[in-house]
């Protein structure tokens, strides 16, 4: 048997027995749930192409393990063009921490990797160090206009070389480039598939994303398909969406492939996609580790009852109606949020309030303006990007007491001055939970702890979501859980 290894796929050459085909089919597949119009049903997705006998190269180790267990003799032929790193670029104003040095070294050597580092652990620094170490034609892929601008600024300051911008209506190609995922799909003339409902909102309303659809430059297509030797995905938990898989496949010459996220793994079967198109885990730096090492402050997490009566309330209504009534439209709960802001103001804390919907954010914004004397602004996708930057800078300068944010506050928001977080929107996602809490854990002068306020909502669906959020926090040894505020 011959395993012919390519950058994208590996082909098995030789006759595969029915038994072996069955094992490959089982271990290289995953299931998801889809609504068929009547109920949610399981759908199987297979990463082994039975016709062509190919599989994503990231799963090579799984296949060879199967071959070894079945005592099958095989030969590996690597047909990938072996790229050679150039002279490393220096890092300016950055001294890598020991764990960052280890991750960068292992990622470069391993070539395919998933880097898991908690918010505040320096993901962009690690990405910049990898790009600097290789110094080959590279893409650093992001999915929002804010992350696009922020990554460009950070890499420019860190590396002191021209950084390319591919997206947001711009086409400036350099050795190292920040690129929007939507732009890749524009130049490949493929339909862009959003990762989740949050990214769908951003894709519809963010002007930079709209402009990125207009970019169809052949030079970008050539660069992506022929020149790129390193592709890094920011917030790589998004790789499970087809749009990111297509982007990874498009970079045919990329030997180095990887991604970075505070929470890359969902715990679901589809996590195999990360290994298939990025690679195996390199490092797992938790928030608790960073707290113990003195890089982050310790949080106190307060759980408040979201209703007057703590008894469980069952309803046959759909989830969106229950959420709308008992979170977005709950007079008691929203006024409790206002009371928490008043208390935090007395403690001289700057506050981030996260919401899931714009409607909820606007309700809270109006209540705060009506019932408190705090200075407050609301950032969401169709707020002008210049205004968003100004609001964020005001929080950094402690000229703004409270900032209310939708999903834009989940990924990439870097405001070390934030002292407190109110999780007004609920939800069950471990990714968003850890990212939101991480916003407040960064150290800043005079900051010794972070205050996190969450809610126990005793309604169908919502109570289960609360339990999942709490379990995530209880798994972190350095998170202090408190039941009153």
Protein backbone atom coordinates (compact mmCIF):
# COMPACT_ATOMS: atom_id res chain seq x y z
CA UNK A 1 0.00 0.00 0.00
CA UNK A 2 1.26 3.50 -0.81
CA UNK A 3 0.28 6.73 0.96
CA UNK A 4 0.96 9.62 -1.41
CA UNK A 5 0.97 12.75 0.78
CA UNK A 6 -0.05 16.11 -0.66
CA UNK A 7 -0.60 19.50 0.97
CA UNK A 8 -4.38 19.12 0.88
CA UNK A 9 -5.13 15.41 0.57
CA UNK A 10 -3.37 12.08 0.88
CA UNK A 11 -4.17 9.31 -1.58
CA UNK A 12 -4.15 5.61 -0.72
CA UNK A 13 -2.85 3.59 -3.65
CA UNK A 14 -3.64 -0.10 -3.59
CA UNK A 15 -6.59 -2.40 -3.06
CA UNK A 16 -8.52 -1.64 0.12
CA UNK A 17 -10.44 -4.51 1.68
CA UNK A 18 -14.09 -4.17 2.64
CA UNK A 19 -13.11 -4.38 6.33
CA UNK A 20 -10.46 -1.67 6.05
CA UNK A 21 -12.77 0.56 4.06
CA UNK A 22 -15.32 0.24 6.85
CA UNK A 23 -12.81 1.24 9.53
CA UNK A 24 -11.63 4.24 7.50
CA UNK A 25 -15.22 5.29 6.90
CA UNK A 26 -16.06 5.05 10.61
CA UNK A 27 -12.98 6.79 12.05
CA UNK A 28 -12.79 9.53 9.43
CA UNK A 29 -16.38 10.67 9.81
CA UNK A 30 -18.47 12.78 12.15
CA UNK A 31 -22.15 13.47 12.70
CA UNK A 32 -24.11 16.69 13.09
CA UNK A 33 -27.77 17.42 13.68
CA UNK A 34 -29.93 19.07 11.04
CA UNK A 35 -33.58 20.06 10.97
CA UNK A 36 -35.46 18.25 8.19
CA UNK A 37 -38.66 20.26 8.52
CA UNK A 38 -40.17 17.99 11.15
CA UNK A 39 -37.41 17.14 13.63
CA UNK A 40 -33.67 17.22 14.19
CA UNK A 41 -31.95 14.22 12.62
CA UNK A 42 -28.34 13.02 12.59
CA UNK A 43 -26.35 13.62 9.41
CA UNK A 44 -23.09 11.75 8.78
CA UNK A 45 -20.21 13.55 7.08
CA UNK A 46 -17.32 11.44 5.83
CA UNK A 47 -13.82 12.76 5.28
CA UNK A 48 -12.71 9.64 3.40
CA UNK A 49 -13.43 9.77 -0.32
CA UNK A 50 -14.15 6.14 -1.15
CA UNK A 51 -14.07 6.70 -4.90
CA UNK A 52 -10.66 8.40 -5.06
CA UNK A 53 -9.36 6.79 -1.85
CA UNK A 54 -8.27 10.15 -0.45
CA UNK A 55 -8.51 11.89 2.92
CA UNK A 56 -7.35 15.26 4.31
CA UNK A 57 -3.63 15.08 5.06
CA UNK A 58 -4.17 16.28 8.63
CA UNK A 59 -5.66 12.85 9.37
CA UNK A 60 -2.53 11.00 8.22
CA UNK A 61 -1.64 9.84 11.76
CA UNK A 62 -5.12 8.32 12.25
CA UNK A 63 -4.87 6.39 9.00
CA UNK A 64 -1.36 5.09 9.70
CA UNK A 65 -2.49 3.99 13.15
CA UNK A 66 -5.27 1.97 11.52
CA UNK A 67 -2.77 0.46 9.08
CA UNK A 68 -0.43 -0.48 11.94
CA UNK A 69 -3.28 -2.09 13.91
CA UNK A 70 -4.32 -4.06 10.82
CA UNK A 71 -0.66 -5.00 10.18
CA UNK A 72 -0.76 -3.52 6.69
CA UNK A 73 2.56 -2.77 5.05
CA UNK A 74 2.65 0.71 3.52
CA UNK A 75 5.10 3.16 2.02
CA UNK A 76 4.78 6.93 2.41
CA UNK A 77 5.68 9.13 -0.56
CA UNK A 78 5.64 12.84 0.26
CA UNK A 79 4.91 14.78 -2.93
CA UNK A 80 4.67 18.17 -1.21
CA UNK A 81 7.06 20.88 -2.30
CA UNK A 82 9.26 21.45 0.74
CA UNK A 83 9.30 25.18 1.37
CA UNK A 84 12.34 26.63 3.11
CA UNK A 85 11.96 29.43 5.68
CA UNK A 86 13.78 32.66 4.96
CA UNK A 87 15.91 34.60 7.44
CA UNK A 88 13.69 35.22 10.49
CA UNK A 89 12.38 38.71 11.09
CA UNK A 90 13.10 40.35 14.44
CA UNK A 91 10.29 41.11 16.87
CA UNK A 92 10.10 44.71 18.09
CA UNK A 93 8.90 45.57 21.58
CA UNK A 94 8.08 41.92 22.29
CA UNK A 95 9.82 39.48 24.62
CA UNK A 96 8.24 36.08 24.22
CA UNK A 97 7.16 34.26 27.35
CA UNK A 98 8.53 30.74 27.81
CA UNK A 99 5.27 29.05 26.80
CA UNK A 100 5.02 31.30 23.74
CA UNK A 101 8.54 30.34 22.66
CA UNK A 102 7.68 26.65 23.06
CA UNK A 103 4.46 26.97 21.05
CA UNK A 104 6.13 28.89 18.21
CA UNK A 105 8.96 26.34 17.97
CA UNK A 106 6.60 23.34 18.04
CA UNK A 107 4.19 24.89 15.53
CA UNK A 108 6.95 25.65 13.03
CA UNK A 109 8.44 22.17 13.41
CA UNK A 110 5.09 20.37 13.32
CA UNK A 111 3.92 22.38 10.26
CA UNK A 112 0.24 21.64 10.97
CA UNK A 113 -1.14 22.81 14.28
CA UNK A 114 -3.98 24.11 16.42
CA UNK A 115 -2.85 26.53 19.11
CA UNK A 116 -5.08 26.80 22.18
CA UNK A 117 -4.28 29.83 24.32
CA UNK A 118 -6.73 31.52 26.67
CA UNK A 119 -7.75 35.13 26.03
CA UNK A 120 -4.94 37.33 27.34
CA UNK A 121 -2.29 34.73 26.55
CA UNK A 122 -1.01 36.58 23.49
CA UNK A 123 -2.48 34.79 20.46
CA UNK A 124 -1.56 37.61 18.10
CA UNK A 125 1.97 37.72 19.52
CA UNK A 126 2.30 33.97 18.89
CA UNK A 127 0.93 34.33 15.37
CA UNK A 128 3.32 37.22 14.67
CA UNK A 129 6.25 35.22 16.01
CA UNK A 130 5.38 32.25 13.76
CA UNK A 131 5.12 34.53 10.72
CA UNK A 132 8.40 36.22 11.64
CA UNK A 133 10.16 32.88 12.20
CA UNK A 134 9.16 31.58 8.77
CA UNK A 135 9.20 34.84 6.79
CA UNK A 136 7.51 33.19 3.81
CA UNK A 137 4.49 34.33 1.75
CA UNK A 138 1.74 34.13 4.35
CA UNK A 139 -1.92 34.80 5.11
CA UNK A 140 -3.34 35.61 8.53
CA UNK A 141 -7.09 35.16 8.04
CA UNK A 142 -9.74 36.97 10.11
CA UNK A 143 -13.50 37.26 9.74
CA UNK A 144 -14.51 40.78 10.84
CA UNK A 145 -13.47 44.27 9.87
CA UNK A 146 -12.45 45.11 13.45
CA UNK A 147 -10.15 42.09 13.69
CA UNK A 148 -8.80 42.93 10.23
CA UNK A 149 -7.71 46.42 11.28
CA UNK A 150 -6.49 45.31 14.69
CA UNK A 151 -4.37 42.46 13.31
CA UNK A 152 -2.86 44.78 10.70
CA UNK A 153 -1.92 47.34 13.36
CA UNK A 154 -0.49 44.72 15.74
CA UNK A 155 1.61 42.93 13.10
CA UNK A 156 2.88 46.21 11.65
CA UNK A 157 4.04 47.37 15.07
CA UNK A 158 5.51 43.99 15.99
CA UNK A 159 7.40 43.21 12.77
CA UNK A 160 8.22 46.69 11.37
CA UNK A 161 7.84 45.45 7.78
CA UNK A 162 5.12 46.26 5.24
CA UNK A 163 2.05 44.17 6.04
CA UNK A 164 -0.35 43.42 3.22
CA UNK A 165 -4.09 44.07 3.45
CA UNK A 166 -6.37 41.82 1.42
CA UNK A 167 -9.99 42.69 2.10
CA UNK A 168 -12.19 45.58 3.11
CA UNK A 169 -11.94 46.97 -0.41
CA UNK A 170 -8.10 46.92 -0.27
CA UNK A 171 -5.63 44.84 -2.26
CA UNK A 172 -2.05 45.38 -1.14
CA UNK A 173 -0.07 42.12 -1.26
CA UNK A 174 3.16 41.77 0.71
CA UNK A 175 5.17 38.85 2.09
CA UNK A 176 2.96 38.75 5.21
CA UNK A 177 -0.71 39.64 4.80
CA UNK A 178 -3.86 40.08 6.83
CA UNK A 179 -6.81 38.75 4.82
CA UNK A 180 -10.56 38.60 5.32
CA UNK A 181 -12.15 35.20 4.83
CA UNK A 182 -14.96 36.80 2.81
CA UNK A 183 -12.43 38.15 0.30
CA UNK A 184 -11.06 34.68 -0.37
CA UNK A 185 -14.55 33.55 -1.29
CA UNK A 186 -15.08 36.58 -3.46
CA UNK A 187 -11.98 35.90 -5.55
CA UNK A 188 -12.72 32.17 -5.70
CA UNK A 189 -16.28 33.03 -6.78
CA UNK A 190 -17.77 30.79 -4.12
CA UNK A 191 -20.76 31.45 -1.92
CA UNK A 192 -19.67 32.48 1.54
CA UNK A 193 -21.06 30.33 4.36
CA UNK A 194 -21.16 31.98 7.77
CA UNK A 195 -19.91 30.14 10.85
CA UNK A 196 -22.98 30.89 12.98
CA UNK A 197 -25.87 33.32 13.41
CA UNK A 198 -23.53 35.88 14.96
CA UNK A 199 -21.24 35.99 11.94
CA UNK A 200 -24.34 36.15 9.73
CA UNK A 201 -25.26 39.43 11.41
CA UNK A 202 -21.75 40.77 10.90
CA UNK A 203 -21.65 39.70 7.26
CA UNK A 204 -24.88 41.52 6.51
CA UNK A 205 -24.12 44.76 8.31
CA UNK A 206 -20.39 45.41 8.52
CA UNK A 207 -19.37 47.75 5.72
CA UNK A 208 -15.88 46.27 5.49
CA UNK A 209 -17.38 42.86 4.90
CA UNK A 210 -19.68 44.28 2.22
CA UNK A 211 -16.73 45.85 0.45
CA UNK A 212 -14.73 42.64 0.63
CA UNK A 213 -17.31 40.96 -1.60
CA UNK A 214 -16.44 43.49 -4.30
CA UNK A 215 -12.77 42.51 -4.47
CA UNK A 216 -12.14 40.12 -7.36
CA UNK A 217 -8.55 40.68 -8.27
CA UNK A 218 -6.72 37.96 -10.20
CA UNK A 219 -3.51 38.83 -8.39
CA UNK A 220 -5.14 37.80 -5.11
CA UNK A 221 -6.33 34.52 -6.61
CA UNK A 222 -2.85 33.73 -7.93
CA UNK A 223 -1.24 34.62 -4.61
CA UNK A 224 -3.66 32.41 -2.69
CA UNK A 225 -3.47 29.41 -4.98
CA UNK A 226 0.21 29.47 -5.96
CA UNK A 227 2.33 31.57 -3.62
CA UNK A 228 1.09 31.24 -0.05
CA UNK A 229 3.31 28.91 1.97
CA UNK A 230 1.84 29.62 5.41
CA UNK A 231 -1.84 30.07 6.30
CA UNK A 232 -2.97 30.95 9.83
CA UNK A 233 -6.64 31.12 10.84
CA UNK A 234 -7.52 33.49 13.67
CA UNK A 235 -10.35 32.17 15.92
CA UNK A 236 -9.84 28.79 14.29
CA UNK A 237 -12.91 27.20 15.88
CA UNK A 238 -14.55 28.64 12.74
CA UNK A 239 -12.73 26.05 10.59
CA UNK A 240 -15.69 23.70 10.96
CA UNK A 241 -17.61 25.97 8.55
CA UNK A 242 -17.22 25.08 4.87
CA UNK A 243 -16.00 28.57 4.06
CA UNK A 244 -12.83 28.03 6.07
CA UNK A 245 -12.31 24.55 4.69
CA UNK A 246 -12.48 26.00 1.17
CA UNK A 247 -9.92 28.64 2.14
CA UNK A 248 -7.53 25.99 3.44
CA UNK A 249 -7.97 23.95 0.26
CA UNK A 250 -7.39 27.00 -1.94
CA UNK A 251 -3.88 27.52 -0.52
CA UNK A 252 -2.45 24.61 -2.45
CA UNK A 253 1.22 25.45 -1.85
CA UNK A 254 0.94 26.10 1.90
CA UNK A 255 3.14 23.70 3.83
CA UNK A 256 2.49 25.42 7.17
CA UNK A 257 -1.16 25.34 8.16
CA UNK A 258 -2.61 26.23 11.51
CA UNK A 259 -5.02 28.17 13.62
CA UNK A 260 -5.30 29.90 16.95
CA UNK A 261 -8.19 30.14 19.39
CA UNK A 262 -8.90 30.37 23.10
CA UNK A 263 -11.49 27.63 22.59
CA UNK A 264 -10.80 25.69 19.39
CA UNK A 265 -12.64 22.55 20.42
CA UNK A 266 -16.38 22.25 20.94
CA UNK A 267 -16.33 18.73 22.38
CA UNK A 268 -18.41 17.55 19.41
CA UNK A 269 -17.52 15.00 16.74
CA UNK A 270 -16.94 17.76 14.19
CA UNK A 271 -13.73 18.71 16.03
CA UNK A 272 -12.03 16.20 13.74
CA UNK A 273 -12.26 18.87 11.03
CA UNK A 274 -9.68 20.94 12.92
CA UNK A 275 -7.13 18.14 12.72
CA UNK A 276 -8.08 17.38 9.11
CA UNK A 277 -7.42 20.87 7.76
CA UNK A 278 -5.20 22.50 10.41
CA UNK A 279 -3.48 19.88 12.56
CA UNK A 280 -2.95 18.51 16.04
CA UNK A 281 -2.98 20.58 19.20
CA UNK A 282 0.18 22.52 20.06
CA UNK A 283 0.01 23.81 23.62
CA UNK A 284 -3.03 24.26 25.83
CA UNK A 285 -2.60 27.40 27.88
CA UNK A 286 -5.60 27.87 30.16
CA UNK A 287 -6.79 31.01 31.93
CA UNK A 288 -5.98 29.38 35.27
CA UNK A 289 -2.37 28.76 34.18
CA UNK A 290 -2.00 32.39 33.11
CA UNK A 291 -3.48 33.55 36.43
CA UNK A 292 -1.08 31.36 38.43
CA UNK A 293 1.84 32.73 36.42
CA UNK A 294 0.73 36.29 37.14
CA UNK A 295 -0.15 37.17 33.55
CA UNK A 296 -3.89 37.61 34.23
CA UNK A 297 -5.94 38.74 37.23
CA UNK A 298 -8.26 36.37 39.08
CA UNK A 299 -12.01 36.67 38.50
CA UNK A 300 -14.82 36.59 41.02
CA UNK A 301 -17.93 35.22 39.35
CA UNK A 302 -21.29 36.13 40.87
CA UNK A 303 -24.46 34.24 39.90
CA UNK A 304 -27.68 36.17 40.40
CA UNK A 305 -31.23 34.89 40.11
CA UNK A 306 -32.72 36.33 36.92
CA UNK A 307 -36.32 36.35 38.21
CA UNK A 308 -38.19 37.12 41.43
CA UNK A 309 -39.20 33.50 41.86
CA UNK A 310 -36.46 30.89 41.61
CA UNK A 311 -38.83 28.02 40.82
CA UNK A 312 -38.33 26.29 37.48
CA UNK A 313 -40.88 27.32 34.85
CA UNK A 314 -41.65 24.97 31.98
CA UNK A 315 -43.06 26.24 28.68
CA UNK A 316 -43.94 24.53 25.44
CA UNK A 317 -42.98 27.64 23.48
CA UNK A 318 -40.03 27.69 21.12
CA UNK A 319 -36.65 28.76 22.41
CA UNK A 320 -36.61 32.15 20.64
CA UNK A 321 -39.95 33.13 22.24
CA UNK A 322 -38.80 32.04 25.70
CA UNK A 323 -35.55 33.97 25.24
CA UNK A 324 -37.34 37.08 23.99
CA UNK A 325 -39.75 37.13 26.95
CA UNK A 326 -37.49 36.11 29.83
CA UNK A 327 -34.17 37.70 28.87
CA UNK A 328 -34.67 40.48 26.32
CA UNK A 329 -38.04 41.60 27.67
CA UNK A 330 -37.67 40.79 31.36
CA UNK A 331 -38.29 44.01 33.31
CA UNK A 332 -36.97 42.50 36.54
CA UNK A 333 -33.81 41.09 35.00
CA UNK A 334 -32.95 44.22 33.02
CA UNK A 335 -33.44 46.43 36.06
CA UNK A 336 -31.25 44.05 38.05
CA UNK A 337 -28.53 44.67 35.44
CA UNK A 338 -28.98 48.41 36.00
CA UNK A 339 -28.62 47.91 39.77
CA UNK A 340 -25.42 45.94 39.21
CA UNK A 341 -24.01 48.77 37.09
CA UNK A 342 -24.81 51.26 39.87
CA UNK A 343 -22.98 49.09 42.40
CA UNK A 344 -19.98 48.67 40.08
CA UNK A 345 -19.92 52.42 39.51
CA UNK A 346 -19.67 52.91 43.29
CA UNK A 347 -16.68 50.56 43.23
CA UNK A 348 -15.16 52.65 40.41
CA UNK A 349 -15.21 49.73 37.97
CA UNK A 350 -15.34 50.02 34.19
CA UNK A 351 -17.94 47.61 32.83
CA UNK A 352 -18.57 45.55 29.70
CA UNK A 353 -22.15 44.28 29.23
CA UNK A 354 -22.49 41.56 26.59
CA UNK A 355 -25.79 40.91 24.83
CA UNK A 356 -26.82 38.55 22.07
CA UNK A 357 -29.26 40.79 20.21
CA UNK A 358 -29.22 44.46 19.24
CA UNK A 359 -32.72 44.86 20.65
CA UNK A 360 -31.58 43.73 24.09
CA UNK A 361 -28.57 46.03 23.93
CA UNK A 362 -30.76 49.00 23.09
CA UNK A 363 -33.14 48.17 25.98
CA UNK A 364 -30.25 48.12 28.45
CA UNK A 365 -28.70 51.24 26.94
CA UNK A 366 -31.93 53.23 27.38
CA UNK A 367 -32.40 51.97 30.94
CA UNK A 368 -28.85 52.98 31.91
CA UNK A 369 -29.27 56.42 30.40
CA UNK A 370 -32.61 56.86 32.16
CA UNK A 371 -31.80 55.47 35.61
CA UNK A 372 -28.07 56.10 36.13
CA UNK A 373 -25.49 58.81 35.66
CA UNK A 374 -22.91 56.51 34.06
CA UNK A 375 -21.41 57.28 30.68
CA UNK A 376 -22.35 54.44 28.32
CA UNK A 377 -22.13 53.54 24.65
CA UNK A 378 -23.38 50.56 22.60
CA UNK A 379 -21.20 48.88 19.97
CA UNK A 380 -22.67 46.55 17.37
CA UNK A 381 -22.00 45.67 13.77
CA UNK A 382 -23.50 48.65 11.97
CA UNK A 383 -22.02 51.25 14.28
CA UNK A 384 -19.35 53.08 12.27
CA UNK A 385 -15.93 51.46 12.78
CA UNK A 386 -14.37 54.82 13.63
CA UNK A 387 -16.94 55.36 16.36
CA UNK A 388 -16.32 51.83 17.66
CA UNK A 389 -12.61 52.58 17.93
CA UNK A 390 -13.33 55.82 19.72
CA UNK A 391 -15.60 54.13 22.26
CA UNK A 392 -13.03 51.43 22.94
CA UNK A 393 -10.27 54.01 23.39
CA UNK A 394 -12.47 55.94 25.83
CA UNK A 395 -12.81 52.79 27.95
CA UNK A 396 -9.03 52.32 27.85
CA UNK A 397 -8.59 55.94 28.97
CA UNK A 398 -11.32 55.47 31.62
CA UNK A 399 -13.41 58.21 30.03
CA UNK A 400 -16.32 55.81 29.47
CA UNK A 401 -17.86 53.87 32.38
CA UNK A 402 -19.86 51.23 30.53
CA UNK A 403 -19.75 49.69 27.09
CA UNK A 404 -22.59 47.46 25.88
CA UNK A 405 -21.57 45.06 23.14
CA UNK A 406 -23.00 42.36 20.90
CA UNK A 407 -20.86 39.55 19.51
CA UNK A 408 -18.24 42.11 18.46
CA UNK A 409 -17.09 41.90 22.07
CA UNK A 410 -16.52 38.14 21.88
CA UNK A 411 -13.47 37.98 19.64
CA UNK A 412 -10.50 40.31 19.54
CA UNK A 413 -11.70 43.07 21.89
CA UNK A 414 -8.56 44.15 23.78
CA UNK A 415 -9.32 46.52 26.66
CA UNK A 416 -7.13 45.69 29.70
CA UNK A 417 -8.76 48.53 31.66
CA UNK A 418 -12.06 46.63 31.87
CA UNK A 419 -12.71 45.65 35.49
CA UNK A 420 -16.12 43.99 35.28
CA UNK A 421 -18.32 41.98 32.94
CA UNK A 422 -22.08 41.49 33.01
CA UNK A 423 -23.16 38.51 30.91
CA UNK A 424 -26.61 39.88 30.08
CA UNK A 425 -27.24 37.68 27.03
CA UNK A 426 -27.05 34.20 28.55
CA UNK A 427 -26.26 31.47 26.04
CA UNK A 428 -24.56 28.08 26.27
CA UNK A 429 -21.53 28.35 23.99
CA UNK A 430 -18.27 27.46 25.79
CA UNK A 431 -16.38 29.43 23.14
CA UNK A 432 -18.24 32.66 23.77
CA UNK A 433 -18.32 32.16 27.55
CA UNK A 434 -14.53 31.89 27.89
CA UNK A 435 -13.90 34.67 25.37
CA UNK A 436 -16.24 37.04 27.16
CA UNK A 437 -14.76 36.40 30.58
CA UNK A 438 -11.27 36.73 29.13
CA UNK A 439 -12.02 40.33 28.12
CA UNK A 440 -11.76 41.38 31.76
CA UNK A 441 -8.81 39.28 32.93
CA UNK A 442 -6.01 41.27 31.30
CA UNK A 443 -3.80 43.13 33.74
CA UNK A 444 -3.69 46.93 33.91
CA UNK A 445 -2.32 49.42 36.46
CA UNK A 446 -4.11 49.14 39.81
CA UNK A 447 -6.25 46.19 38.73
CA UNK A 448 -6.13 43.24 41.12
CA UNK A 449 -9.24 41.25 40.20
CA UNK A 450 -12.10 41.05 37.73
CA UNK A 451 -15.79 40.92 38.61
CA UNK A 452 -18.05 38.75 36.47
CA UNK A 453 -21.85 38.80 36.88
CA UNK A 454 -23.97 36.06 35.35
CA UNK A 455 -27.60 35.03 35.77
CA UNK A 456 -29.46 31.87 36.69
CA UNK A 457 -32.59 31.91 34.53
CA UNK A 458 -35.06 29.25 35.72
CA UNK A 459 -36.89 28.62 32.47
CA UNK A 460 -36.93 25.82 29.93
CA UNK A 461 -33.72 25.86 27.84
CA UNK A 462 -32.31 28.83 29.78
CA UNK A 463 -31.67 26.86 32.99
CA UNK A 464 -29.68 24.25 31.06
CA UNK A 465 -27.66 27.01 29.43
CA UNK A 466 -26.86 28.50 32.85
CA UNK A 467 -25.64 25.11 34.08
CA UNK A 468 -23.35 24.72 31.06
CA UNK A 469 -21.89 28.19 31.57
CA UNK A 470 -21.32 27.51 35.26
CA UNK A 471 -19.69 24.14 34.58
CA UNK A 472 -17.21 25.85 32.26
CA UNK A 473 -16.21 28.28 34.98
CA UNK A 474 -16.05 25.63 37.69
CA UNK A 475 -13.56 23.70 35.54
CA UNK A 476 -11.08 26.58 35.95
CA UNK A 477 -9.29 26.14 39.28
CA UNK A 478 -8.48 29.85 39.62
CA UNK A 479 -12.03 31.11 39.04
CA UNK A 480 -13.74 32.04 42.31
CA UNK A 481 -17.48 31.31 42.29
CA UNK A 482 -19.78 33.47 44.48
CA UNK A 483 -23.58 33.16 44.70
CA UNK A 484 -24.49 36.74 45.64
CA UNK A 485 -23.40 40.27 44.83
